[in-house]
Amino acid sequence: MKNVLLLMLVILTAEINAQRGTTAIKFGHFSPAASEGGFIIGYEGGRLLDRDLIFGWSIDWFHRNFVDKKVVNDFNQMYGGVGGSINELRAKTNIHDFPFMISLTGSFPVAPFTKVFLTGGIGAEVLLISYRNFQNPDQDEFKGAFDFNWRLGIGALYMIGRNADIFIEMDYHNSEPSWEYEVDDPNSNFNRTYERVFDMSGLMARLGFRFYY
């Protein structure tokens, strides 16, 4: 019995190793709720489970500088509207967003050399934030935030050879990394606790190239 199980394991391992691999580069525009939209680039590796089904893993990078309007509003309420320009400086934020995901992508032929596909994934999001110190707005502070994420998308691809295709893709991405921090309230001499939530949910429109090996 042990020999049979060992043989089955060897056969299964050989089949997995025999599957074709894929690699893709994607770039385009991402519009999260937390900031203005901007450029996003990503890498995706994968394995063909069958001719039209890919199990993949990916990482993306999105970078943006912006003024967090919610933080401005919170600080204006604390000061009663005094020092608005300083609060704008306090709310300047620089983010680097890194979604890590695993996914399944299924494609369906619709014309010669052309397929449509559906994709979905889950994973984790790491957000690196550089923001201004409340007491000393000229100084930067650094923080990391984390959340789980998910993504759904649809697209179309055109095969440009036996081992490559070009595709367009539209995705909805969902994630809300956050952390809590304290600020001294000069009016009451007590600390106030705020939660900064970065709603990284939004639409992605991307162009990509996929290669098979």
C-alpha atoms as a PDB file:
ATOM      1  CA  MET A   1       0.000   0.000   0.000  1.00  0.00           C
ATOM      2  CA  LYS A   2       2.840   2.342   0.869  1.00  0.00           C
ATOM      3  CA  ASN A   3       4.425   1.705  -2.529  1.00  0.00           C
ATOM      4  CA  VAL A   4       1.132   2.479  -4.306  1.00  0.00           C
ATOM      5  CA  LEU A   5       0.766   5.799  -2.461  1.00  0.00           C
ATOM      6  CA  LEU A   6       4.378   6.657  -3.254  1.00  0.00           C
ATOM      7  CA  LEU A   7       3.817   5.882  -6.933  1.00  0.00           C
ATOM      8  CA  MET A   8       0.672   8.065  -7.018  1.00  0.00           C
ATOM      9  CA  LEU A   9       2.602  10.924  -5.391  1.00  0.00           C
ATOM     10  CA  VAL A  10       5.391  10.628  -7.976  1.00  0.00           C
ATOM     11  CA  ILE A  11       2.860  10.650 -10.844  1.00  0.00           C
ATOM     12  CA  LEU A  12       0.996  13.656  -9.401  1.00  0.00           C
ATOM     13  CA  THR A  13       4.260  15.576  -8.891  1.00  0.00           C
ATOM     14  CA  ALA A  14       5.328  14.806 -12.450  1.00  0.00           C
ATOM     15  CA  GLU A  15       2.005  16.047 -13.817  1.00  0.00           C
ATOM     16  CA  ILE A  16       2.238  19.307 -11.873  1.00  0.00           C
ATOM     17  CA  ASN A  17       5.814  19.874 -13.035  1.00  0.00           C
ATOM     18  CA  ALA A  18       4.793  19.090 -16.618  1.00  0.00           C
ATOM     19  CA  GLN A  19       2.187  21.852 -16.647  1.00  0.00           C
ATOM     20  CA  ARG A  20       3.086  24.874 -18.713  1.00  0.00           C
ATOM     21  CA  GLY A  21       4.032  28.001 -16.861  1.00  0.00           C
ATOM     22  CA  THR A  22       2.961  31.568 -17.626  1.00  0.00           C
ATOM     23  CA  THR A  23       4.285  34.994 -16.806  1.00  0.00           C
ATOM     24  CA  ALA A  24       2.562  38.324 -17.423  1.00  0.00           C
ATOM     25  CA  ILE A  25       3.317  42.026 -17.104  1.00  0.00           C
ATOM     26  CA  LYS A  26       0.357  44.397 -16.610  1.00  0.00           C
ATOM     27  CA  PHE A  27       0.241  48.179 -16.525  1.00  0.00           C
ATOM     28  CA  GLY A  28      -2.533  50.748 -16.565  1.00  0.00           C
ATOM     29  CA  HIS A  29      -4.637  53.039 -14.380  1.00  0.00           C
ATOM     30  CA  PHE A  30      -5.980  52.441 -10.850  1.00  0.00           C
ATOM     31  CA  SER A  31      -8.589  54.692  -9.178  1.00  0.00           C
ATOM     32  CA  PRO A  32      -8.829  53.875  -5.441  1.00  0.00           C
ATOM     33  CA  ALA A  33     -11.288  55.765  -3.246  1.00  0.00           C
ATOM     34  CA  ALA A  34      -8.515  56.942  -0.890  1.00  0.00           C
ATOM     35  CA  SER A  35      -6.615  59.049  -3.435  1.00  0.00           C
ATOM     36  CA  GLU A  36      -6.545  60.326  -6.972  1.00  0.00           C
ATOM     37  CA  GLY A  37      -6.079  57.712  -9.658  1.00  0.00           C
ATOM     38  CA  GLY A  38      -2.697  56.928 -11.107  1.00  0.00           C
ATOM     39  CA  PHE A  39      -0.340  54.476 -12.769  1.00  0.00           C
ATOM     40  CA  ILE A  40      -0.202  50.854 -11.568  1.00  0.00           C
ATOM     41  CA  ILE A  41       2.140  48.081 -12.690  1.00  0.00           C
ATOM     42  CA  GLY A  42       2.032  44.402 -11.845  1.00  0.00           C
ATOM     43  CA  TYR A  43       3.641  41.007 -12.364  1.00  0.00           C
ATOM     44  CA  GLU A  44       1.748  37.702 -12.507  1.00  0.00           C
ATOM     45  CA  GLY A  45       3.125  34.179 -12.583  1.00  0.00           C
ATOM     46  CA  GLY A  46       1.028  31.095 -13.109  1.00  0.00           C
ATOM     47  CA  ARG A  47       0.438  27.523 -14.172  1.00  0.00           C
ATOM     48  CA  LEU A  48      -1.954  26.205 -16.797  1.00  0.00           C
ATOM     49  CA  LEU A  49      -4.306  23.790 -15.055  1.00  0.00           C
ATOM     50  CA  ASP A  50      -5.746  23.057 -18.496  1.00  0.00           C
ATOM     51  CA  ARG A  51      -5.764  24.854 -21.843  1.00  0.00           C
ATOM     52  CA  ASP A  52      -8.082  27.655 -20.695  1.00  0.00           C
ATOM     53  CA  LEU A  53      -7.603  27.772 -16.904  1.00  0.00           C
ATOM     54  CA  ILE A  54      -4.687  29.480 -15.151  1.00  0.00           C
ATOM     55  CA  PHE A  55      -3.826  29.350 -11.465  1.00  0.00           C
ATOM     56  CA  GLY A  56      -1.813  32.488 -10.767  1.00  0.00           C
ATOM     57  CA  TRP A  57       0.008  34.555  -8.166  1.00  0.00           C
ATOM     58  CA  SER A  58       0.711  38.256  -8.493  1.00  0.00           C
ATOM     59  CA  ILE A  59       2.080  41.449  -6.994  1.00  0.00           C
ATOM     60  CA  ASP A  60       1.174  45.014  -8.018  1.00  0.00           C
ATOM     61  CA  TRP A  61       2.657  48.403  -7.161  1.00  0.00           C
ATOM     62  CA  PHE A  62       0.716  51.665  -6.922  1.00  0.00           C
ATOM     63  CA  HIS A  63       2.259  54.951  -5.722  1.00  0.00           C
ATOM     64  CA  ARG A  64       0.557  58.259  -5.028  1.00  0.00           C
ATOM     65  CA  ASN A  65       1.118  61.611  -3.270  1.00  0.00           C
ATOM     66  CA  PHE A  66      -2.050  63.358  -2.097  1.00  0.00           C
ATOM     67  CA  VAL A  67      -3.709  65.458   0.614  1.00  0.00           C
ATOM     68  CA  ASP A  68      -6.032  63.328   2.751  1.00  0.00           C
ATOM     69  CA  LYS A  69      -9.242  65.402   2.830  1.00  0.00           C
ATOM     70  CA  LYS A  70     -10.751  63.376   5.685  1.00  0.00           C
ATOM     71  CA  VAL A  71      -7.726  64.110   7.867  1.00  0.00           C
ATOM     72  CA  VAL A  72      -7.999  67.826   6.992  1.00  0.00           C
ATOM     73  CA  ASN A  73     -11.651  67.778   8.040  1.00  0.00           C
ATOM     74  CA  ASP A  74     -10.875  65.983  11.326  1.00  0.00           C
ATOM     75  CA  PHE A  75      -8.128  68.468  12.222  1.00  0.00           C
ATOM     76  CA  ASN A  76     -10.294  71.455  11.239  1.00  0.00           C
ATOM     77  CA  GLN A  77     -12.996  70.197  13.593  1.00  0.00           C
ATOM     78  CA  MET A  78     -10.421  69.838  16.388  1.00  0.00           C
ATOM     79  CA  TYR A  79      -9.214  73.438  15.915  1.00  0.00           C
ATOM     80  CA  GLY A  80     -12.599  74.914  15.037  1.00  0.00           C
ATOM     81  CA  GLY A  81     -11.480  75.821  11.507  1.00  0.00           C
ATOM     82  CA  VAL A  82      -8.332  77.665  12.646  1.00  0.00           C
ATOM     83  CA  GLY A  83      -5.020  76.811  10.963  1.00  0.00           C
ATOM     84  CA  GLY A  84      -6.533  75.328   7.811  1.00  0.00           C
ATOM     85  CA  SER A  85      -3.397  75.745   5.723  1.00  0.00           C
ATOM     86  CA  ILE A  86      -1.280  74.005   8.386  1.00  0.00           C
ATOM     87  CA  ASN A  87      -3.825  71.182   8.492  1.00  0.00           C
ATOM     88  CA  GLU A  88      -3.478  70.806   4.728  1.00  0.00           C
ATOM     89  CA  LEU A  89       0.263  70.375   5.286  1.00  0.00           C
ATOM     90  CA  ARG A  90      -0.377  67.871   8.098  1.00  0.00           C
ATOM     91  CA  ALA A  91      -2.579  65.809   5.787  1.00  0.00           C
ATOM     92  CA  LYS A  92       0.003  65.428   3.003  1.00  0.00           C
ATOM     93  CA  THR A  93       0.397  61.710   2.438  1.00  0.00           C
ATOM     94  CA  ASN A  94       2.649  59.505   0.318  1.00  0.00           C
ATOM     95  CA  ILE A  95       1.558  55.881  -0.191  1.00  0.00           C
ATOM     96  CA  HIS A  96       3.076  52.788  -1.767  1.00  0.00           C
ATOM     97  CA  ASP A  97       0.473  50.042  -2.166  1.00  0.00           C
ATOM     98  CA  PHE A  98       1.442  46.373  -2.707  1.00  0.00           C
ATOM     99  CA  PRO A  99      -1.411  43.882  -3.250  1.00  0.00           C
ATOM    100  CA  PHE A 100      -0.276  40.238  -3.142  1.00  0.00           C
ATOM    101  CA  MET A 101      -2.814  37.822  -4.624  1.00  0.00           C
ATOM    102  CA  ILE A 102      -3.559  34.291  -5.803  1.00  0.00           C
ATOM    103  CA  SER A 103      -6.072  33.966  -8.621  1.00  0.00           C
ATOM    104  CA  LEU A 104      -7.941  31.776 -11.082  1.00  0.00           C
ATOM    105  CA  THR A 105      -8.473  32.906 -14.673  1.00  0.00           C
ATOM    106  CA  GLY A 106     -10.744  31.098 -17.113  1.00  0.00           C
ATOM    107  CA  SER A 107     -10.883  31.980 -20.829  1.00  0.00           C
ATOM    108  CA  PHE A 108     -13.451  31.264 -23.544  1.00  0.00           C
ATOM    109  CA  PRO A 109     -12.803  31.380 -27.320  1.00  0.00           C
ATOM    110  CA  VAL A 110     -15.045  33.848 -29.178  1.00  0.00           C
ATOM    111  CA  ALA A 111     -13.216  34.209 -32.524  1.00  0.00           C
ATOM    112  CA  PRO A 112     -10.026  32.981 -34.212  1.00  0.00           C
ATOM    113  CA  PHE A 113      -7.062  33.929 -31.987  1.00  0.00           C
ATOM    114  CA  THR A 114      -9.427  35.813 -29.627  1.00  0.00           C
ATOM    115  CA  LYS A 115     -10.750  34.891 -26.183  1.00  0.00           C
ATOM    116  CA  VAL A 116     -12.631  36.584 -23.372  1.00  0.00           C
ATOM    117  CA  PHE A 117     -11.739  35.739 -19.797  1.00  0.00           C
ATOM    118  CA  LEU A 118     -12.984  36.041 -16.236  1.00  0.00           C
ATOM    119  CA  THR A 119     -10.600  36.331 -13.315  1.00  0.00           C
ATOM    120  CA  GLY A 120     -10.915  36.434  -9.547  1.00  0.00           C
ATOM    121  CA  GLY A 121      -8.435  36.521  -6.701  1.00  0.00           C
ATOM    122  CA  ILE A 122      -7.879  36.896  -2.970  1.00  0.00           C
ATOM    123  CA  GLY A 123      -4.847  37.882  -0.981  1.00  0.00           C
ATOM    124  CA  ALA A 124      -3.246  40.418   1.323  1.00  0.00           C
ATOM    125  CA  GLU A 125      -2.472  44.114   0.968  1.00  0.00           C
ATOM    126  CA  VAL A 126       0.569  45.924   2.366  1.00  0.00           C
ATOM    127  CA  LEU A 127       0.349  49.719   2.407  1.00  0.00           C
ATOM    128  CA  LEU A 128       3.429  51.813   3.239  1.00  0.00           C
ATOM    129  CA  ILE A 129       2.541  55.359   4.274  1.00  0.00           C
ATOM    130  CA  SER A 130       4.703  58.441   4.736  1.00  0.00           C
ATOM    131  CA  TYR A 131       2.750  61.235   6.449  1.00  0.00           C
ATOM    132  CA  ARG A 132       3.356  64.475   8.344  1.00  0.00           C
ATOM    133  CA  ASN A 133       3.901  64.646  12.092  1.00  0.00           C
ATOM    134  CA  PHE A 134       0.984  66.458  13.754  1.00  0.00           C
ATOM    135  CA  GLN A 135       3.052  68.616  16.129  1.00  0.00           C
ATOM    136  CA  ASN A 136       5.835  69.215  13.556  1.00  0.00           C
ATOM    137  CA  PRO A 137       4.254  69.213  10.072  1.00  0.00           C
ATOM    138  CA  ASP A 138       7.657  69.614   8.390  1.00  0.00           C
ATOM    139  CA  GLN A 139       8.710  66.185   9.671  1.00  0.00           C
ATOM    140  CA  ASP A 140       7.697  62.917   8.055  1.00  0.00           C
ATOM    141  CA  GLU A 141       6.465  59.840   9.882  1.00  0.00           C
ATOM    142  CA  PHE A 142       6.327  56.317   8.472  1.00  0.00           C
ATOM    143  CA  LYS A 143       3.726  53.621   9.009  1.00  0.00           C
ATOM    144  CA  GLY A 144       2.695  50.283   7.530  1.00  0.00           C
ATOM    145  CA  ALA A 145      -0.900  49.076   7.281  1.00  0.00           C
ATOM    146  CA  PHE A 146      -2.331  45.693   6.322  1.00  0.00           C
ATOM    147  CA  ASP A 147      -5.618  44.223   5.132  1.00  0.00           C
ATOM    148  CA  PHE A 148      -7.005  41.253   3.206  1.00  0.00           C
ATOM    149  CA  ASN A 149      -8.203  41.918  -0.335  1.00  0.00           C
ATOM    150  CA  TRP A 150     -10.188  40.466  -3.195  1.00  0.00           C
ATOM    151  CA  ARG A 151     -10.522  41.225  -6.888  1.00  0.00           C
ATOM    152  CA  LEU A 152     -12.872  40.403  -9.771  1.00  0.00           C
ATOM    153  CA  GLY A 153     -12.238  41.164 -13.419  1.00  0.00           C
ATOM    154  CA  ILE A 154     -13.134  40.616 -17.041  1.00  0.00           C
ATOM    155  CA  GLY A 155     -11.071  41.018 -20.175  1.00  0.00           C
ATOM    156  CA  ALA A 156     -10.209  39.957 -23.700  1.00  0.00           C
ATOM    157  CA  LEU A 157      -7.000  38.583 -25.190  1.00  0.00           C
ATOM    158  CA  TYR A 158      -5.552  38.188 -28.662  1.00  0.00           C
ATOM    159  CA  MET A 159      -3.005  35.442 -29.329  1.00  0.00           C
ATOM    160  CA  ILE A 160       0.047  36.890 -31.065  1.00  0.00           C
ATOM    161  CA  GLY A 161       1.809  33.548 -31.327  1.00  0.00           C
ATOM    162  CA  ARG A 162       1.878  30.049 -29.897  1.00  0.00           C
ATOM    163  CA  ASN A 163       3.599  31.283 -26.735  1.00  0.00           C
ATOM    164  CA  ALA A 164       2.316  34.828 -26.220  1.00  0.00           C
ATOM    165  CA  ASP A 165      -0.813  36.957 -26.117  1.00  0.00           C
ATOM    166  CA  ILE A 166      -1.778  40.562 -25.502  1.00  0.00           C
ATOM    167  CA  PHE A 167      -4.822  41.414 -23.385  1.00  0.00           C
ATOM    168  CA  ILE A 168      -6.905  44.182 -21.870  1.00  0.00           C
ATOM    169  CA  GLU A 169      -8.487  43.806 -18.460  1.00  0.00           C
ATOM    170  CA  MET A 170     -10.949  45.664 -16.231  1.00  0.00           C
ATOM    171  CA  ASP A 171     -10.915  44.779 -12.510  1.00  0.00           C
ATOM    172  CA  TYR A 172     -12.657  45.827  -9.320  1.00  0.00           C
ATOM    173  CA  HIS A 173     -10.259  45.699  -6.375  1.00  0.00           C
ATOM    174  CA  ASN A 174     -11.379  45.766  -2.716  1.00  0.00           C
ATOM    175  CA  SER A 175      -9.224  46.493   0.350  1.00  0.00           C
ATOM    176  CA  GLU A 176      -9.189  48.929   3.318  1.00  0.00           C
ATOM    177  CA  PRO A 177      -5.846  48.977   5.193  1.00  0.00           C
ATOM    178  CA  SER A 178      -5.948  51.064   8.383  1.00  0.00           C
ATOM    179  CA  TRP A 179      -4.249  51.900  11.672  1.00  0.00           C
ATOM    180  CA  GLU A 180      -4.995  53.958  14.797  1.00  0.00           C
ATOM    181  CA  TYR A 181      -2.936  56.881  16.096  1.00  0.00           C
ATOM    182  CA  GLU A 182      -3.157  59.457  18.899  1.00  0.00           C
ATOM    183  CA  VAL A 183      -3.038  63.258  18.677  1.00  0.00           C
ATOM    184  CA  ASP A 184      -2.755  65.712  21.591  1.00  0.00           C
ATOM    185  CA  ASP A 185      -5.868  67.892  21.725  1.00  0.00           C
ATOM    186  CA  PRO A 186      -4.642  71.413  22.720  1.00  0.00           C
ATOM    187  CA  ASN A 187      -8.153  72.437  23.803  1.00  0.00           C
ATOM    188  CA  SER A 188      -8.725  69.652  26.334  1.00  0.00           C
ATOM    189  CA  ASN A 189      -5.151  68.479  27.059  1.00  0.00           C
ATOM    190  CA  PHE A 190      -6.271  64.929  26.337  1.00  0.00           C
ATOM    191  CA  ASN A 191      -5.182  62.573  23.598  1.00  0.00           C
ATOM    192  CA  ARG A 192      -7.614  61.868  20.808  1.00  0.00           C
ATOM    193  CA  THR A 193      -7.503  58.542  18.991  1.00  0.00           C
ATOM    194  CA  TYR A 194      -8.049  58.567  15.240  1.00  0.00           C
ATOM    195  CA  GLU A 195      -8.274  55.705  12.809  1.00  0.00           C
ATOM    196  CA  ARG A 196      -6.837  56.347   9.379  1.00  0.00           C
ATOM    197  CA  VAL A 197      -8.571  54.109   6.873  1.00  0.00           C
ATOM    198  CA  PHE A 198      -7.177  53.975   3.358  1.00  0.00           C
ATOM    199  CA  ASP A 199      -9.976  52.725   1.141  1.00  0.00           C
ATOM    200  CA  MET A 200      -7.990  51.143  -1.680  1.00  0.00           C
ATOM    201  CA  SER A 201     -11.151  49.853  -3.360  1.00  0.00           C
ATOM    202  CA  GLY A 202     -11.629  50.917  -6.957  1.00  0.00           C
ATOM    203  CA  LEU A 203     -11.401  50.109 -10.644  1.00  0.00           C
ATOM    204  CA  MET A 204      -8.310  49.078 -12.590  1.00  0.00           C
ATOM    205  CA  ALA A 205      -8.039  49.311 -16.380  1.00  0.00           C
ATOM    206  CA  ARG A 206      -4.908  47.583 -17.656  1.00  0.00           C
ATOM    207  CA  LEU A 207      -3.056  46.350 -20.706  1.00  0.00           C
ATOM    208  CA  GLY A 208      -0.868  43.274 -20.436  1.00  0.00           C
ATOM    209  CA  PHE A 209       1.378  40.785 -22.153  1.00  0.00           C
ATOM    210  CA  ARG A 210       1.434  37.094 -21.203  1.00  0.00           C
ATOM    211  CA  PHE A 211       4.080  34.556 -22.195  1.00  0.00           C
ATOM    212  CA  TYR A 212       3.923  30.765 -21.982  1.00  0.00           C
ATOM    213  CA  TYR A 213       6.864  28.436 -21.412  1.00  0.00           C
END
